[in-house]
Protein backbone atom coordinates (compact mmCIF):
# COMPACT_ATOMS: atom_id res chain seq x y z
CA MET A 1 0.00 0.00 0.00
CA THR A 2 1.09 3.58 -0.68
CA LYS A 3 2.34 5.50 2.34
CA PHE A 4 0.03 8.40 3.15
CA ASP A 5 0.45 9.52 6.77
CA VAL A 6 -0.09 12.81 8.56
CA HIS A 7 2.21 13.66 11.48
CA ILE A 8 0.84 16.18 13.97
CA LEU A 9 3.70 18.42 15.12
CA GLY A 10 1.59 21.14 16.72
CA CYS A 11 -2.15 21.48 17.32
CA GLY A 12 -2.51 24.43 19.67
CA SER A 13 -3.72 27.92 18.88
CA ALA A 14 -2.30 31.43 19.24
CA THR A 15 0.64 30.82 21.60
CA PRO A 16 2.67 27.78 22.73
CA SER A 17 1.61 26.16 25.98
CA LEU A 18 2.96 23.36 28.15
CA ARG A 19 0.45 21.03 26.46
CA HIS A 20 0.46 22.08 22.82
CA LEU A 21 2.66 23.74 20.23
CA PRO A 22 1.35 26.09 17.52
CA ALA A 23 0.03 24.73 14.25
CA CYS A 24 2.28 22.46 12.20
CA GLN A 25 1.92 19.08 10.56
CA VAL A 26 3.62 17.01 7.90
CA VAL A 27 2.05 14.85 5.22
CA ASN A 28 4.34 11.93 4.47
CA TYR A 29 3.35 10.81 1.00
CA ARG A 30 5.60 8.07 -0.39
CA ASP A 31 8.45 9.41 1.79
CA ARG A 32 8.08 12.90 0.34
CA LEU A 33 7.41 15.29 3.21
CA LEU A 34 4.87 18.08 2.66
CA MET A 35 4.66 20.47 5.61
CA ILE A 36 1.45 22.35 6.45
CA ASP A 37 1.97 25.55 8.44
CA CYS A 38 5.06 26.03 10.56
CA GLY A 39 4.53 27.43 14.04
CA GLU A 40 7.24 27.80 16.65
CA GLY A 41 8.71 24.52 17.84
CA ALA A 42 8.31 22.78 14.50
CA GLN A 43 11.97 21.78 14.34
CA LEU A 44 11.95 20.03 17.70
CA SER A 45 8.74 18.22 16.80
CA LEU A 46 10.32 17.10 13.54
CA ARG A 47 13.23 15.66 15.53
CA ARG A 48 10.95 13.88 17.96
CA SER A 49 8.93 12.42 15.08
CA ARG A 50 12.10 11.06 13.46
CA LEU A 51 11.21 12.83 10.22
CA LYS A 52 14.12 13.71 7.95
CA PHE A 53 14.52 17.43 7.28
CA SER A 54 16.08 16.60 3.91
CA ARG A 55 12.85 15.03 2.66
CA ILE A 56 10.83 18.24 3.00
CA THR A 57 10.06 19.42 -0.52
CA ASP A 58 7.06 21.69 -0.01
CA ILE A 59 5.73 23.92 2.77
CA PHE A 60 2.15 25.21 2.65
CA ILE A 61 1.29 28.29 4.72
CA SER A 62 -2.41 28.84 5.37
CA HIS A 63 -2.23 32.46 6.54
CA MET A 64 0.00 35.09 8.04
CA HIS A 65 -0.69 34.77 11.75
CA GLY A 66 2.39 34.06 13.84
CA ASP A 67 1.24 30.73 15.21
CA HIS A 68 1.17 29.38 11.67
CA PHE A 69 4.29 31.05 10.30
CA LEU A 70 6.93 32.06 12.85
CA GLY A 71 8.68 28.69 12.89
CA LEU A 72 9.42 28.89 9.17
CA PRO A 73 12.45 31.25 9.15
CA GLY A 74 14.18 29.08 11.74
CA LEU A 75 13.44 25.88 9.83
CA LEU A 76 14.75 27.33 6.56
CA SER A 77 17.86 28.59 8.35
CA THR A 78 18.53 25.09 9.68
CA LEU A 79 18.05 23.62 6.23
CA ALA A 80 20.52 26.17 4.90
CA LEU A 81 23.11 24.90 7.37
CA HIS A 82 22.68 21.21 6.70
CA GLN A 83 20.86 20.53 3.44
CA THR A 84 22.87 20.37 0.24
CA GLY A 85 21.10 20.46 -3.10
CA GLY A 86 17.46 19.90 -3.84
CA THR A 87 14.56 22.33 -3.84
CA VAL A 88 12.14 23.51 -1.18
CA THR A 89 9.02 25.29 -2.40
CA VAL A 90 7.08 27.54 -0.04
CA HIS A 91 3.45 27.94 -1.10
CA ILE A 92 2.38 31.23 0.39
CA GLN A 93 0.43 34.41 -0.28
CA GLU A 94 2.28 37.42 -1.69
CA GLN A 95 2.50 39.35 1.59
CA GLY A 96 4.10 36.36 3.29
CA ALA A 97 6.55 35.75 0.45
CA ASN A 98 7.76 39.35 0.62
CA LEU A 99 8.21 39.13 4.37
CA LEU A 100 10.02 35.81 4.20
CA ARG A 101 12.37 37.02 1.48
CA ASN A 102 13.38 39.97 3.67
CA ILE A 103 13.93 37.75 6.69
CA MET A 104 16.02 35.26 4.71
CA ASN A 105 18.11 38.07 3.23
CA VAL A 106 19.11 38.95 6.78
CA LEU A 107 19.42 35.46 8.28
CA CYS A 108 20.98 33.54 5.41
CA ARG A 109 21.09 35.14 2.02
CA ASP A 110 22.79 32.14 0.42
CA THR A 111 21.28 28.69 0.86
CA SER A 112 22.75 25.37 -0.14
CA PHE A 113 19.42 24.40 -1.67
CA GLU A 114 17.07 26.17 -4.07
CA LEU A 115 14.34 28.06 -2.24
CA LYS A 116 11.30 28.73 -4.39
CA TYR A 117 8.10 30.67 -3.72
CA ASN A 118 4.79 29.64 -5.22
CA ILE A 119 2.60 32.69 -4.61
CA PHE A 120 -1.14 32.12 -4.63
CA ASP A 121 -4.30 34.03 -3.78
CA PRO A 122 -5.84 32.53 -0.61
CA VAL A 123 -9.22 33.98 -1.54
CA LYS A 124 -9.30 32.25 -4.93
CA GLY A 125 -7.38 29.11 -4.01
CA GLY A 126 -6.44 26.68 -6.77
CA VAL A 127 -4.04 23.84 -7.53
CA LEU A 128 -0.66 24.31 -5.83
CA LEU A 129 1.02 20.99 -6.54
CA ASP A 130 0.20 18.49 -9.26
CA THR A 131 2.31 15.34 -9.53
CA LYS A 132 1.75 12.02 -11.24
CA SER A 133 0.05 10.61 -8.16
CA LEU A 134 -1.04 13.52 -5.94
CA LYS A 135 -2.80 16.87 -6.30
CA VAL A 136 -2.77 19.57 -3.61
CA THR A 137 -5.41 22.29 -3.79
CA ALA A 138 -5.93 25.42 -1.72
CA PHE A 139 -9.46 26.54 -0.88
CA PRO A 140 -10.70 29.67 0.93
CA LEU A 141 -11.39 29.69 4.66
CA PHE A 142 -13.08 32.50 6.58
CA HIS A 143 -10.89 33.98 9.27
CA ARG A 144 -9.95 37.51 10.39
CA VAL A 145 -7.27 37.68 7.69
CA PRO A 146 -7.04 35.99 4.25
CA CYS A 147 -6.72 32.29 4.99
CA CYS A 148 -7.00 28.99 3.17
CA GLY A 149 -7.20 25.29 3.76
CA PHE A 150 -5.45 22.55 1.82
CA ARG A 151 -6.78 19.39 0.24
CA PHE A 152 -4.55 16.44 -0.70
CA ASP A 153 -6.10 14.09 -3.27
CA GLU A 154 -4.51 10.93 -4.60
CA LYS A 155 -5.05 10.43 -8.29
CA PRO A 156 -6.63 7.20 -9.58
CA LYS A 157 -4.21 4.32 -9.29
CA ALA A 158 -3.30 1.71 -11.88
CA ARG A 159 -5.11 -1.62 -11.94
CA HIS A 160 -3.26 -4.74 -10.80
CA ILE A 161 -1.98 -7.10 -13.48
CA LYS A 162 -2.83 -10.81 -13.39
CA GLY A 163 0.57 -12.23 -14.23
CA ASP A 164 -0.71 -15.67 -15.23
CA MET A 165 -3.24 -14.21 -17.67
CA ILE A 166 -0.69 -11.85 -19.17
CA ALA A 167 1.53 -14.86 -19.82
CA PHE A 168 -1.36 -16.97 -21.13
CA TYR A 169 -2.27 -14.40 -23.78
CA ASN A 170 1.37 -13.53 -24.54
CA VAL A 171 0.78 -9.85 -23.91
CA PRO A 172 3.83 -7.81 -24.99
CA VAL A 173 5.60 -5.85 -22.26
CA TYR A 174 5.00 -2.55 -24.07
CA ARG A 175 1.22 -3.05 -23.73
CA ILE A 176 1.26 -3.52 -19.94
CA ALA A 177 1.00 0.18 -19.06
CA GLU A 178 -2.13 0.77 -21.11
CA ILE A 179 -3.72 -2.40 -19.76
CA LYS A 180 -3.02 -1.24 -16.20
CA GLY A 181 -4.76 1.96 -17.24
CA GLY A 182 -7.92 0.03 -18.15
CA ALA A 183 -7.50 -0.85 -21.84
CA ASP A 184 -8.58 -4.16 -23.33
CA TYR A 185 -6.06 -6.28 -25.26
CA VAL A 186 -6.49 -7.29 -28.89
CA THR A 187 -4.58 -10.44 -29.86
CA ILE A 188 -2.77 -10.93 -33.16
CA ASP A 189 -5.73 -12.87 -34.53
CA GLY A 190 -8.18 -10.11 -33.57
CA ARG A 191 -9.71 -11.46 -30.38
CA VAL A 192 -10.59 -8.83 -27.79
CA ILE A 193 -9.52 -9.82 -24.27
CA PRO A 194 -11.47 -7.69 -21.77
CA ASN A 195 -9.46 -5.80 -19.22
CA SER A 196 -11.27 -7.58 -16.40
CA ALA A 197 -9.67 -10.85 -17.52
CA LEU A 198 -6.20 -9.35 -17.29
CA THR A 199 -6.38 -7.17 -14.18
CA THR A 200 -7.95 -6.74 -10.78
CA ASP A 201 -9.25 -3.55 -9.25
CA ALA A 202 -6.84 -0.76 -8.36
CA ASP A 203 -6.21 0.18 -4.75
CA PRO A 204 -8.55 2.95 -3.60
CA SER A 205 -7.37 6.55 -3.84
CA VAL A 206 -7.70 8.53 -0.63
CA SER A 207 -7.79 12.18 0.39
CA TYR A 208 -7.00 14.48 3.30
CA ALA A 209 -8.13 18.02 4.07
CA TYR A 210 -6.71 20.57 6.48
CA CYS A 211 -8.88 23.41 7.75
CA SER A 212 -6.90 25.81 9.86
CA ASP A 213 -8.50 28.99 11.22
CA THR A 214 -12.08 29.54 10.08
CA VAL A 215 -15.56 30.33 11.27
CA TYR A 216 -18.30 27.87 10.41
CA ASP A 217 -19.20 28.44 6.77
CA GLU A 218 -21.13 26.19 4.40
CA ARG A 219 -18.65 26.89 1.60
CA VAL A 220 -16.06 24.90 3.55
CA ILE A 221 -18.39 21.91 3.45
CA GLU A 222 -18.21 21.80 -0.34
CA ALA A 223 -14.44 22.24 -0.35
CA VAL A 224 -13.82 19.15 1.82
CA ARG A 225 -16.66 17.01 0.55
CA GLY A 226 -15.95 13.29 0.61
CA VAL A 227 -12.41 13.31 2.01
CA ASP A 228 -11.26 10.30 3.97
CA VAL A 229 -9.80 12.36 6.83
CA LEU A 230 -10.63 15.94 7.79
CA TYR A 231 -8.52 17.96 10.20
CA HIS A 232 -10.65 20.88 11.34
CA GLU A 233 -9.92 23.59 13.84
CA SER A 234 -11.99 23.43 17.03
CA THR A 235 -10.56 26.24 19.09
CA TYR A 236 -13.50 26.29 21.49
CA GLY A 237 -16.10 24.06 23.10
CA ASP A 238 -19.72 24.86 23.91
CA ASP A 239 -18.65 26.74 27.04
CA GLN A 240 -16.84 29.37 24.96
CA ALA A 241 -18.90 29.23 21.80
CA HIS A 242 -19.65 32.95 22.05
CA LYS A 243 -15.95 33.68 21.35
CA ALA A 244 -15.72 31.60 18.16
CA ALA A 245 -17.22 33.75 15.40
CA PRO A 246 -15.92 37.14 16.66
CA ARG A 247 -12.38 35.71 16.71
CA GLY A 248 -12.70 33.89 13.39
CA HIS A 249 -12.79 30.38 14.80
CA SER A 250 -15.02 27.32 15.12
CA THR A 251 -16.26 25.15 17.94
CA ALA A 252 -15.84 21.39 18.10
CA ARG A 253 -19.56 21.00 17.46
CA GLN A 254 -19.31 23.15 14.33
CA ALA A 255 -16.35 21.12 13.08
CA ALA A 256 -18.46 17.98 13.49
CA GLU A 257 -21.30 19.60 11.54
CA VAL A 258 -18.91 20.26 8.66
CA ALA A 259 -17.70 16.65 8.75
CA LEU A 260 -21.24 15.28 8.79
CA ARG A 261 -22.57 17.44 6.00
CA ALA A 262 -19.46 16.95 3.87
CA GLY A 263 -19.70 13.16 4.11
CA VAL A 264 -16.14 12.66 5.33
CA LYS A 265 -15.04 9.40 6.94
CA ARG A 266 -12.98 10.60 9.92
CA LEU A 267 -12.66 13.87 11.80
CA VAL A 268 -9.58 15.05 13.71
CA LEU A 269 -10.03 18.09 15.95
CA GLY A 270 -7.18 20.54 16.51
CA HIS A 271 -6.07 24.15 17.05
CA PHE A 272 -7.17 24.04 20.68
CA SER A 273 -7.38 27.11 22.89
CA LYS A 274 -4.80 27.04 25.68
CA SER A 275 -7.69 27.58 28.13
CA TYR A 276 -8.42 23.84 27.90
CA GLU A 277 -6.38 21.42 29.96
CA ASP A 278 -8.38 18.48 28.63
CA GLU A 279 -9.96 18.18 25.17
CA THR A 280 -12.24 15.30 26.20
CA PRO A 281 -15.35 17.53 26.45
CA LEU A 282 -14.69 18.92 22.96
CA VAL A 283 -14.44 15.42 21.52
CA ALA A 284 -17.64 14.41 23.33
CA GLN A 285 -19.50 17.41 21.92
CA ALA A 286 -18.32 16.63 18.39
CA ARG A 287 -19.21 12.96 18.70
CA GLU A 288 -22.81 13.85 19.43
CA ILE A 289 -22.95 14.88 15.78
CA PHE A 290 -20.10 12.92 14.16
CA PRO A 291 -19.11 9.77 16.09
CA ASP A 292 -15.82 9.05 14.31
CA THR A 293 -14.00 11.98 15.92
CA VAL A 294 -10.66 12.12 17.74
CA ALA A 295 -8.51 14.91 19.17
CA ALA A 296 -5.11 15.66 17.70
CA HIS A 297 -2.00 15.63 19.88
CA GLU A 298 1.68 16.23 19.23
CA GLY A 299 3.32 13.05 17.97
CA MET A 300 0.07 11.65 16.62
CA ILE A 301 0.29 9.84 13.26
CA ILE A 302 -2.87 9.70 11.16
CA HIS A 303 -2.85 6.86 8.65
CA VAL A 304 -4.98 8.20 5.80
CA LEU A 305 -4.78 4.87 3.97
C-alpha cells in the first residue's frame, strides 16, 4: 500500500503552551514530506517524530498569523546549514513571500538548496502541486485575515496485473501500461480480451483536508466534501462558543457539523485554545454529531490509507 500519513507536530492555537505547540503538521506521501503551516517549535517536533529534514520538498502556509508562520524562518535557516542540493518550495500568499524574502536576506542570504516561492491568492485558491500521483489544492477559509485550507487528493491508481493471464495471452511488455490503465487487449488474430480478464481492481485513492483557522461556513463543506480524513480547527467548546465567530474560529460542534454534511469518513479536531487542559469535552460534543472523531496531539500519526 502507498504511504500516506499525517504527522501532527503542533495542534494548539495562538501561543505555545505546556500542552500544545502552535500549528504544524507534515504529510508523508511516499516518503516525500509536505509540511502544512510552521509554528514555533516545528523543528523540535520534527526531531521527535524522526522525520528527515532533507525530505521536506514543499511547505504550505495557510495564513500570516504568527502561530502558523513564525517557525518557518528558523526551519529554513537550519536547512541552509545542513541541506545540500534539492529544492524547497514555499506555497504562500504574496504578503508572506515578501516578508520571508526579507527575513532570509538577513538570516541567510545564500542557501545550499534552491528556495522557491509559489505565490497564490488565498481567496481564490487553486491547484498548488500536481504530480503524477497527488494533487494539492488550496481553498478559501473564513478567518480575520485571508486564509486557506489545503486538500490532498490521490489520483486514480493503476489496476493490478494478473501475471498468469498476461503470460497466457502472450501480452507484450510494451502493452502492460495501457492495460493497467484500463484498456482491453487485442490479440494478433483479432480477439478482444477484456481488461477484467487481465487485471484486478486498483487500490482505492484517498484524500485528506486541512482546515486551519475559520468560522463555520457552508462553503467549507463543499471544499472538503468526501475526504477520507478531515482535520478541522476546534478552538472552542460549547462553554466558549460565544468567542468563536468574533475571533474567526469554530467550535468542536461546528467542526463535526462540517464533517457530517461533507460526508467525510474521519474527523480530527485541533487548534485548541490554551484555556483547555483536557480536550475530552470537545471530543464528546463533536461525537454527538459525528461519532468518528478524535482529538489531535503532538506526535500523533494519522494513517490516511
